[in-house]
N, C-alpha and C. Protein backbone atom coordinates (compact mmCIF):
# COMPACT_ATOMS: atom_id res chain seq x y z
N MET A 1 2.61 41.92 -6.53
CA MET A 1 2.89 40.58 -6.72
C MET A 1 1.73 39.82 -6.47
N GLN A 2 1.42 38.95 -7.30
CA GLN A 2 0.39 38.09 -7.06
C GLN A 2 0.80 37.09 -6.50
N TRP A 3 -0.92 36.59 -5.88
CA TRP A 3 -0.66 34.98 -4.96
C TRP A 3 -1.82 34.71 -5.57
N VAL A 4 -1.24 32.96 -4.90
CA VAL A 4 -2.51 32.51 -5.43
C VAL A 4 -3.16 31.44 -3.74
N LEU A 5 -3.96 31.61 -3.86
CA LEU A 5 -4.99 31.02 -2.30
C LEU A 5 -5.90 29.93 -3.20
N LEU A 6 -5.64 29.21 -1.93
CA LEU A 6 -6.57 28.10 -1.36
C LEU A 6 -7.34 28.04 -0.72
N ALA A 7 -8.68 28.15 -0.94
CA ALA A 7 -9.50 28.21 0.34
C ALA A 7 -10.20 26.73 0.30
N TYR A 8 -10.03 25.92 1.79
CA TYR A 8 -10.58 24.67 1.40
C TYR A 8 -11.39 24.56 2.88
N ARG A 9 -11.89 23.55 3.16
CA ARG A 9 -13.00 23.09 4.18
C ARG A 9 -12.98 21.55 3.89
N LEU A 10 -12.45 20.98 5.16
CA LEU A 10 -12.52 19.41 4.79
C LEU A 10 -13.26 19.66 6.59
N PRO A 11 -14.51 17.83 5.93
CA PRO A 11 -14.61 17.41 7.61
C PRO A 11 -13.57 17.01 8.34
N ARG A 12 -14.04 17.08 9.65
CA ARG A 12 -13.52 16.81 10.79
C ARG A 12 -12.95 15.22 10.67
N GLU A 13 -13.88 14.75 10.84
CA GLU A 13 -13.65 12.90 10.69
C GLU A 13 -13.72 12.75 9.30
N PRO A 14 -12.59 11.88 8.99
CA PRO A 14 -11.67 11.11 9.47
C PRO A 14 -10.68 12.58 9.42
N SER A 15 -9.70 12.43 10.32
CA SER A 15 -8.53 13.67 10.48
C SER A 15 -7.30 13.52 9.30
N THR A 16 -7.07 12.06 9.17
CA THR A 16 -5.98 11.87 8.02
C THR A 16 -6.00 12.75 6.82
N PRO A 17 -7.32 12.89 6.01
CA PRO A 17 -7.28 13.89 5.43
C PRO A 17 -6.49 15.71 5.49
N ARG A 18 -7.27 15.69 6.67
CA ARG A 18 -6.49 17.46 7.16
C ARG A 18 -5.13 17.55 7.53
N ILE A 19 -4.83 16.49 8.27
CA ILE A 19 -3.44 16.40 8.56
C ILE A 19 -2.54 16.23 7.23
N ALA A 20 -2.90 15.51 6.67
CA ALA A 20 -2.15 15.15 5.18
C ALA A 20 -2.38 16.72 4.37
N LEU A 21 -3.13 17.44 4.54
CA LEU A 21 -2.85 18.49 3.64
C LEU A 21 -2.50 19.90 4.53
N TRP A 22 -2.50 19.60 5.53
CA TRP A 22 -1.80 20.41 6.94
C TRP A 22 -0.13 19.89 6.24
N ARG A 23 0.33 18.62 6.21
CA ARG A 23 1.92 18.54 6.37
C ARG A 23 1.83 19.02 4.51
N ARG A 24 1.23 18.65 3.75
CA ARG A 24 1.59 19.14 2.33
C ARG A 24 1.77 20.96 2.12
N LEU A 25 0.57 21.64 2.88
CA LEU A 25 0.92 23.13 2.99
C LEU A 25 2.23 23.36 3.30
N ARG A 26 2.37 22.72 4.54
CA ARG A 26 3.33 22.98 5.11
C ARG A 26 4.82 22.76 4.01
N ARG A 27 4.81 21.33 3.58
CA ARG A 27 6.00 21.39 2.47
C ARG A 27 6.18 22.15 1.44
N LEU A 28 5.34 22.87 0.98
CA LEU A 28 5.07 23.68 -0.15
C LEU A 28 5.65 25.27 0.46
N GLY A 29 5.50 25.44 2.00
CA GLY A 29 6.12 26.73 2.39
C GLY A 29 5.00 27.56 2.37
N SER A 30 3.55 27.32 2.17
CA SER A 30 2.38 28.14 2.29
C SER A 30 2.13 28.96 3.88
N ILE A 31 1.79 29.93 3.63
CA ILE A 31 1.21 30.78 4.98
C ILE A 31 -0.13 30.90 5.10
N GLN A 32 -0.77 30.28 6.30
CA GLN A 32 -2.34 30.52 6.80
C GLN A 32 -2.18 31.53 6.87
N ILE A 33 -3.35 32.44 6.12
CA ILE A 33 -3.30 33.54 6.34
C ILE A 33 -5.03 33.73 7.08
N GLY A 34 -6.14 32.87 7.18
CA GLY A 34 -7.07 32.62 7.90
C GLY A 34 -7.60 31.17 8.04
N ASP A 35 -8.41 30.94 9.01
CA ASP A 35 -8.91 29.47 8.75
C ASP A 35 -9.17 28.72 7.68
N GLY A 36 -8.78 28.17 7.01
CA GLY A 36 -8.73 27.41 6.07
C GLY A 36 -8.41 28.16 4.34
N LEU A 37 -7.66 29.10 4.84
CA LEU A 37 -7.03 29.90 3.85
C LEU A 37 -5.57 30.35 3.97
N ALA A 38 -4.60 29.20 2.74
CA ALA A 38 -3.61 29.29 2.92
C ALA A 38 -3.17 30.39 1.61
N ALA A 39 -1.48 30.45 1.29
CA ALA A 39 -1.32 31.30 0.49
C ALA A 39 0.02 31.38 0.00
N LEU A 40 0.12 31.21 -1.26
CA LEU A 40 1.76 31.43 -1.85
C LEU A 40 2.15 32.17 -3.10
N PRO A 41 2.93 32.90 -3.40
CA PRO A 41 3.30 33.55 -4.35
C PRO A 41 2.78 33.00 -5.39
N HIS A 42 2.14 33.34 -6.44
CA HIS A 42 1.81 33.12 -7.86
C HIS A 42 3.28 32.83 -8.71
N ASP A 43 2.97 31.13 -9.28
CA ASP A 43 3.76 30.94 -10.30
C ASP A 43 2.88 29.91 -10.87
N GLU A 44 3.59 29.38 -12.05
CA GLU A 44 2.69 28.00 -12.25
C GLU A 44 3.00 26.65 -11.81
N ARG A 45 4.04 26.68 -10.89
CA ARG A 45 4.46 25.14 -9.87
C ARG A 45 3.14 25.71 -8.59
N THR A 46 3.31 26.57 -8.31
CA THR A 46 2.49 26.97 -7.03
C THR A 46 1.04 26.62 -7.09
N ARG A 47 0.38 27.25 -8.48
CA ARG A 47 -0.98 27.76 -8.65
C ARG A 47 -1.20 25.58 -9.10
N GLU A 48 -0.46 25.43 -9.83
CA GLU A 48 -0.14 23.74 -9.98
C GLU A 48 -0.66 22.89 -8.74
N GLN A 49 0.24 23.33 -7.45
CA GLN A 49 0.18 22.53 -6.67
C GLN A 49 -0.46 22.70 -5.84
N PHE A 50 -1.78 24.12 -5.95
CA PHE A 50 -3.05 24.26 -5.20
C PHE A 50 -3.89 23.69 -5.66
N ASP A 51 -3.87 23.39 -7.38
CA ASP A 51 -4.88 22.79 -8.06
C ASP A 51 -5.15 21.25 -7.57
N TRP A 52 -3.49 20.80 -7.41
CA TRP A 52 -3.61 19.40 -6.99
C TRP A 52 -4.47 18.94 -5.52
N LEU A 53 -3.98 20.09 -4.81
CA LEU A 53 -4.53 20.13 -3.21
C LEU A 53 -6.08 20.43 -3.10
N ALA A 54 -6.36 20.96 -4.19
CA ALA A 54 -8.01 21.28 -4.05
C ALA A 54 -8.61 20.39 -4.69
N ALA A 55 -8.12 19.46 -5.67
CA ALA A 55 -8.63 18.25 -6.10
C ALA A 55 -8.86 16.75 -4.86
N GLU A 56 -8.06 16.85 -4.10
CA GLU A 56 -7.98 15.79 -3.28
C GLU A 56 -8.38 16.27 -2.03
N ILE A 57 -8.66 17.70 -2.03
CA ILE A 57 -9.64 17.76 -0.58
C ILE A 57 -10.89 17.32 -1.03
N GLU A 58 -11.62 17.87 -2.49
CA GLU A 58 -12.89 17.57 -2.99
C GLU A 58 -12.92 16.11 -2.72
N GLU A 59 -11.75 14.90 -3.12
CA GLU A 59 -11.85 13.54 -3.30
C GLU A 59 -12.12 13.08 -1.92
N ASN A 60 -11.64 13.95 -0.73
CA ASN A 60 -11.88 13.38 0.37
C ASN A 60 -13.11 14.28 1.14
N GLY A 61 -14.23 14.50 0.16
CA GLY A 61 -15.48 15.24 0.88
C GLY A 61 -15.40 16.83 1.44
N GLY A 62 -14.54 16.97 0.86
CA GLY A 62 -14.03 18.47 1.34
C GLY A 62 -14.79 19.50 0.12
N GLU A 63 -14.40 20.57 0.16
CA GLU A 63 -14.69 21.82 -0.65
C GLU A 63 -13.58 22.95 -0.43
N ALA A 64 -13.20 23.44 -2.14
CA ALA A 64 -12.06 23.84 -2.59
C ALA A 64 -11.85 24.74 -3.28
N LEU A 65 -11.16 25.81 -3.18
CA LEU A 65 -11.30 26.82 -4.60
C LEU A 65 -9.74 27.49 -4.51
N VAL A 66 -9.67 27.59 -5.77
CA VAL A 66 -8.12 28.25 -6.12
C VAL A 66 -8.26 29.71 -6.65
N TRP A 67 -7.91 30.80 -5.58
CA TRP A 67 -7.73 32.12 -6.49
C TRP A 67 -6.61 32.60 -6.91
N LEU A 68 -6.72 33.46 -7.11
CA LEU A 68 -5.69 34.60 -7.68
C LEU A 68 -6.14 36.17 -7.14
N ALA A 69 -4.80 36.08 -6.91
CA ALA A 69 -5.42 37.71 -5.76
C ALA A 69 -4.29 38.68 -5.60
N GLU A 70 -4.23 39.55 -5.27
CA GLU A 70 -3.30 40.74 -4.82
C GLU A 70 -3.39 41.28 -3.54
N ALA A 71 -2.72 41.76 -2.89
CA ALA A 71 -3.01 42.43 -1.59
C ALA A 71 -3.25 43.59 -2.16
N SER A 72 -4.29 44.37 -1.36
CA SER A 72 -5.09 45.35 -1.60
C SER A 72 -4.08 46.84 -1.07
N THR A 73 -3.05 46.54 0.09
CA THR A 73 -2.35 47.75 0.15
C THR A 73 -0.79 47.12 0.38
N ALA A 74 0.18 48.21 0.03
CA ALA A 74 1.39 48.21 0.11
C ALA A 74 1.53 47.36 1.44
N ARG A 75 1.28 47.69 2.36
CA ARG A 75 1.37 47.29 4.14
C ARG A 75 1.09 45.57 4.33
N GLU A 76 -0.21 45.31 3.51
CA GLU A 76 -0.61 43.90 3.46
C GLU A 76 0.25 43.10 2.73
N GLN A 77 0.88 43.96 1.54
CA GLN A 77 1.78 42.96 0.66
C GLN A 77 3.11 42.50 1.56
N ARG A 78 3.78 43.98 2.50
CA ARG A 78 4.70 43.87 3.31
C ARG A 78 4.98 42.32 4.27
N GLY A 79 3.17 42.41 4.82
CA GLY A 79 3.29 41.39 5.56
C GLY A 79 3.20 40.65 5.50
N LEU A 80 2.22 40.00 4.02
CA LEU A 80 2.33 38.36 3.66
C LEU A 80 3.83 38.24 3.56
N GLU A 81 4.63 38.97 2.76
CA GLU A 81 5.87 38.52 2.23
C GLU A 81 6.97 38.42 3.88
N ALA A 82 6.76 39.25 4.62
CA ALA A 82 7.29 39.19 5.75
C ALA A 82 7.02 37.64 6.34
N ARG A 83 5.86 37.49 6.56
CA ARG A 83 5.35 35.91 6.79
C ARG A 83 6.10 34.93 6.43
N LEU A 84 6.18 35.05 5.26
CA LEU A 84 6.72 33.51 4.01
C LEU A 84 8.35 34.00 4.34
N ALA A 85 8.74 34.98 4.37
CA ALA A 85 10.35 35.36 4.50
C ALA A 85 10.91 34.56 6.09
N ALA A 86 10.12 35.11 7.26
CA ALA A 86 10.41 34.38 8.19
C ALA A 86 10.14 33.25 8.52
N ALA A 87 9.15 32.32 8.16
CA ALA A 87 9.33 31.01 8.14
C ALA A 87 10.38 30.46 7.62
N VAL A 88 10.77 31.06 6.36
CA VAL A 88 11.76 30.23 5.34
C VAL A 88 13.47 30.56 6.08
N THR A 89 13.26 31.67 6.50
CA THR A 89 14.54 32.08 7.47
C THR A 89 14.57 31.20 8.63
N GLU A 90 13.61 31.20 9.42
CA GLU A 90 13.64 30.01 10.38
C GLU A 90 14.39 28.88 10.12
N GLU A 91 14.00 28.17 9.43
CA GLU A 91 14.55 26.81 8.55
C GLU A 91 15.86 26.84 8.42
N TYR A 92 16.05 27.76 7.33
CA TYR A 92 17.81 28.19 7.57
C TYR A 92 18.55 28.28 8.44
N GLU A 93 18.06 29.01 9.61
CA GLU A 93 18.42 29.09 11.03
C GLU A 93 18.67 28.10 11.59
N ARG A 94 18.07 27.13 11.46
CA ARG A 94 18.04 25.40 12.07
C ARG A 94 18.95 24.67 11.52
N LEU A 95 18.99 24.93 10.08
CA LEU A 95 19.98 23.77 9.57
C LEU A 95 21.15 24.69 9.95
N ILE A 96 21.32 25.89 9.89
CA ILE A 96 22.89 26.30 9.97
C ILE A 96 23.24 26.02 11.53
N ASP A 97 22.47 25.73 12.52
CA ASP A 97 22.63 25.33 13.76
C ASP A 97 22.82 23.73 13.70
N ALA A 98 22.28 22.96 13.04
CA ALA A 98 22.64 21.60 12.88
C ALA A 98 23.98 21.39 12.14
N ALA A 99 24.30 22.31 10.95
CA ALA A 99 25.54 22.15 10.70
C ALA A 99 26.64 22.38 11.33
N ARG A 100 26.60 23.43 12.27
CA ARG A 100 27.81 23.81 13.52
C ARG A 100 27.48 22.66 14.31
N ALA A 101 26.82 22.04 14.89
CA ALA A 101 26.86 20.62 15.45
C ALA A 101 27.32 19.73 14.91
N ALA A 102 27.21 19.44 13.71
CA ALA A 102 27.58 18.48 12.93
C ALA A 102 28.99 18.17 12.62
N GLU A 103 29.69 19.52 12.91
CA GLU A 103 30.82 19.28 12.61
C GLU A 103 31.60 18.81 13.61
N SER A 104 31.28 18.75 14.53
CA SER A 104 32.09 17.86 16.19
C SER A 104 31.94 16.44 16.12
N HIS A 105 30.80 16.08 15.23
CA HIS A 105 30.49 14.66 14.95
C HIS A 105 31.87 13.98 14.60
N ALA A 106 31.71 12.52 14.81
CA ALA A 106 32.52 11.44 14.32
C ALA A 106 32.46 11.77 12.89
N PRO A 107 33.76 11.05 12.20
CA PRO A 107 33.58 11.47 10.84
C PRO A 107 32.44 10.47 10.32
N THR A 108 31.99 9.24 10.35
CA THR A 108 30.75 8.45 10.06
C THR A 108 29.70 9.63 9.98
N ALA A 109 29.15 9.74 11.23
CA ALA A 109 28.15 10.30 11.54
C ALA A 109 27.82 12.07 10.84
N ARG A 110 29.58 12.56 10.61
CA ARG A 110 29.58 13.73 9.72
C ARG A 110 28.98 13.75 8.63
N ARG A 111 29.28 12.60 8.00
CA ARG A 111 29.14 12.67 6.28
C ARG A 111 27.25 12.26 6.10
N ARG A 112 27.08 11.36 7.40
CA ARG A 112 25.58 10.86 7.10
C ARG A 112 24.83 12.14 7.34
N ALA A 113 25.27 13.13 8.62
CA ALA A 113 24.38 14.57 8.55
C ALA A 113 24.86 15.58 7.88
N LEU A 114 25.81 15.42 6.79
CA LEU A 114 26.42 16.44 5.63
C LEU A 114 25.25 16.03 4.82
N ALA A 115 25.36 15.09 4.43
CA ALA A 115 24.01 14.07 3.09
C ALA A 115 22.44 14.98 3.51
N ARG A 116 22.01 14.63 4.90
CA ARG A 116 20.77 14.62 5.90
C ARG A 116 21.06 16.48 5.50
N LEU A 117 21.79 17.19 5.48
CA LEU A 117 21.65 18.53 5.81
C LEU A 117 21.64 18.92 4.26
N ARG A 118 22.17 18.35 3.48
CA ARG A 118 22.29 18.83 1.64
C ARG A 118 20.63 18.39 1.16
N ARG A 119 19.90 17.68 1.75
CA ARG A 119 18.89 17.45 1.15
C ARG A 119 17.58 18.54 2.16
N ASN A 120 18.02 18.92 3.27
CA ASN A 120 17.34 19.62 4.04
C ASN A 120 17.08 21.08 3.05
N LEU A 121 18.76 21.13 2.80
CA LEU A 121 18.70 22.79 1.84
C LEU A 121 17.82 22.81 1.08
N ASN A 122 17.76 21.65 -0.16
CA ASN A 122 17.18 21.88 -1.37
C ASN A 122 15.72 21.89 -1.05
N GLU A 123 15.29 20.81 -0.12
CA GLU A 123 14.14 21.51 0.60
C GLU A 123 13.90 22.51 0.79
N ILE A 124 14.37 23.47 1.55
CA ILE A 124 14.25 24.73 1.77
C ILE A 124 14.21 25.52 0.86
N ARG A 125 15.40 25.47 -0.08
CA ARG A 125 15.52 26.41 -1.24
C ARG A 125 13.84 26.04 -2.00
N GLY A 126 13.29 25.20 -2.00
CA GLY A 126 11.93 25.16 -2.96
C GLY A 126 11.11 25.73 -2.33
N ARG A 127 11.13 25.95 -1.35
CA ARG A 127 9.88 27.10 -0.45
C ARG A 127 10.40 28.47 0.11
N ASP A 128 11.53 28.91 -0.50
CA ASP A 128 12.25 30.20 -0.53
C ASP A 128 11.48 30.98 -1.75
N TYR A 129 10.85 31.27 -1.88
CA TYR A 129 10.08 31.87 -2.71
C TYR A 129 10.43 33.17 -2.78
N LEU A 130 11.41 33.95 -2.00
CA LEU A 130 11.50 35.36 -1.95
C LEU A 130 13.18 35.64 -1.75
N GLY A 131 13.55 34.57 -1.75
CA GLY A 131 15.43 34.76 -1.89
C GLY A 131 15.94 35.31 -0.82
N SER A 132 15.57 34.32 0.47
CA SER A 132 15.97 34.71 1.60
C SER A 132 17.50 34.80 2.04
N PRO A 133 17.91 36.11 2.24
CA PRO A 133 19.89 35.98 2.46
C PRO A 133 20.21 34.82 3.20
N ALA A 134 19.67 34.34 4.02
CA ALA A 134 20.30 33.55 4.76
C ALA A 134 20.39 32.32 3.86
N LEU A 135 20.16 31.96 2.78
CA LEU A 135 20.29 30.89 1.75
C LEU A 135 21.92 30.76 1.73
N SER A 136 22.81 31.98 1.70
CA SER A 136 24.16 32.07 1.46
C SER A 136 24.54 31.55 3.01
N ARG A 137 24.19 31.85 3.93
CA ARG A 137 24.76 31.65 5.35
C ARG A 137 24.80 29.89 5.53
N ALA A 138 23.36 29.20 5.03
CA ALA A 138 23.39 28.11 4.83
C ALA A 138 24.10 27.30 4.09
N GLU A 139 24.37 27.95 3.04
CA GLU A 139 25.39 27.40 1.90
C GLU A 139 26.93 26.86 2.31
N ALA A 140 27.16 28.33 3.28
CA ALA A 140 28.55 28.48 4.01
C ALA A 140 28.41 27.42 5.13
N SER A 141 27.62 27.50 5.86
CA SER A 141 27.75 26.48 6.99
C SER A 141 27.86 25.01 6.34
N LEU A 142 26.86 24.66 5.79
CA LEU A 142 27.33 23.18 4.75
C LEU A 142 29.03 23.28 3.94
N ASP A 143 29.23 23.78 3.62
CA ASP A 143 30.61 24.02 3.08
C ASP A 143 31.79 23.47 3.95
N ALA A 144 31.22 24.22 5.18
CA ALA A 144 32.45 24.27 6.09
C ALA A 144 32.02 23.12 6.75
N VAL A 145 30.97 21.83 6.71
CA VAL A 145 31.28 20.66 7.14
C VAL A 145 31.85 19.93 6.21
N ALA A 146 31.67 20.50 5.09
CA ALA A 146 32.07 19.26 4.13
C ALA A 146 33.51 19.83 3.59
N THR A 147 33.80 21.22 4.33
CA THR A 147 35.23 21.08 4.10
C THR A 147 36.35 20.67 5.22
N ARG A 148 35.36 20.78 6.54
CA ARG A 148 35.93 19.92 7.70
C ARG A 148 36.10 18.52 7.03
N GLU A 149 35.32 18.23 6.52
CA GLU A 149 35.63 16.36 6.28
C GLU A 149 36.63 16.10 5.29
N GLU A 150 36.53 17.17 4.50
CA GLU A 150 37.94 16.66 3.54
C GLU A 150 39.26 16.95 4.10
N VAL A 151 39.33 18.12 5.18
CA VAL A 151 40.81 18.33 5.40
C VAL A 151 41.29 17.00 6.82
N LEU A 152 40.37 16.27 7.20
CA LEU A 152 39.84 15.21 7.94
C LEU A 152 40.21 14.24 6.82
N ARG A 153 39.83 13.56 6.30
CA ARG A 153 40.44 12.97 5.04
C ARG A 153 41.64 12.69 4.32
N ALA A 154 42.14 13.74 4.12
CA ALA A 154 43.31 14.19 3.39
C ALA A 154 44.47 13.05 3.91
N PRO A 155 45.11 12.91 2.61
CA PRO A 155 46.58 11.65 3.26
C PRO A 155 47.62 12.66 4.10
N ASP A 156 48.24 12.21 5.15
CA ASP A 156 49.32 13.05 5.53
C ASP A 156 50.16 13.34 4.65
């Protein structure tokens, strides 16, 4: 598997660009493999995202390079994949917990929670580069909330 790497350096002050970059990298689901070095599985979308971030870093007075790379050993490859998978699985697990909690909410709160959880699920899917098995459990947990909502709404 090929990886796209973003090597960057930003001035400490002002801190706003550093915080914005950190948030964007997190939203993309990248893994930090070192100070100023983030990685994602390579595809056209991830390469484009890192190219955009590199341009923004440079606009904010920093330095950035985008690289394509492969892990030099199978062990390193498994390690990168495991870190990527663990992060997204943790997000799915939090979503599953939130869905279970939403089942006991009052109807209006349950509908709002279900809408929010569906948005969250779509965001997590966008970071799920390796196809986590936790996705099906997360979908099932949202289906359970939706089914409960339909049952409670059904006329007698």
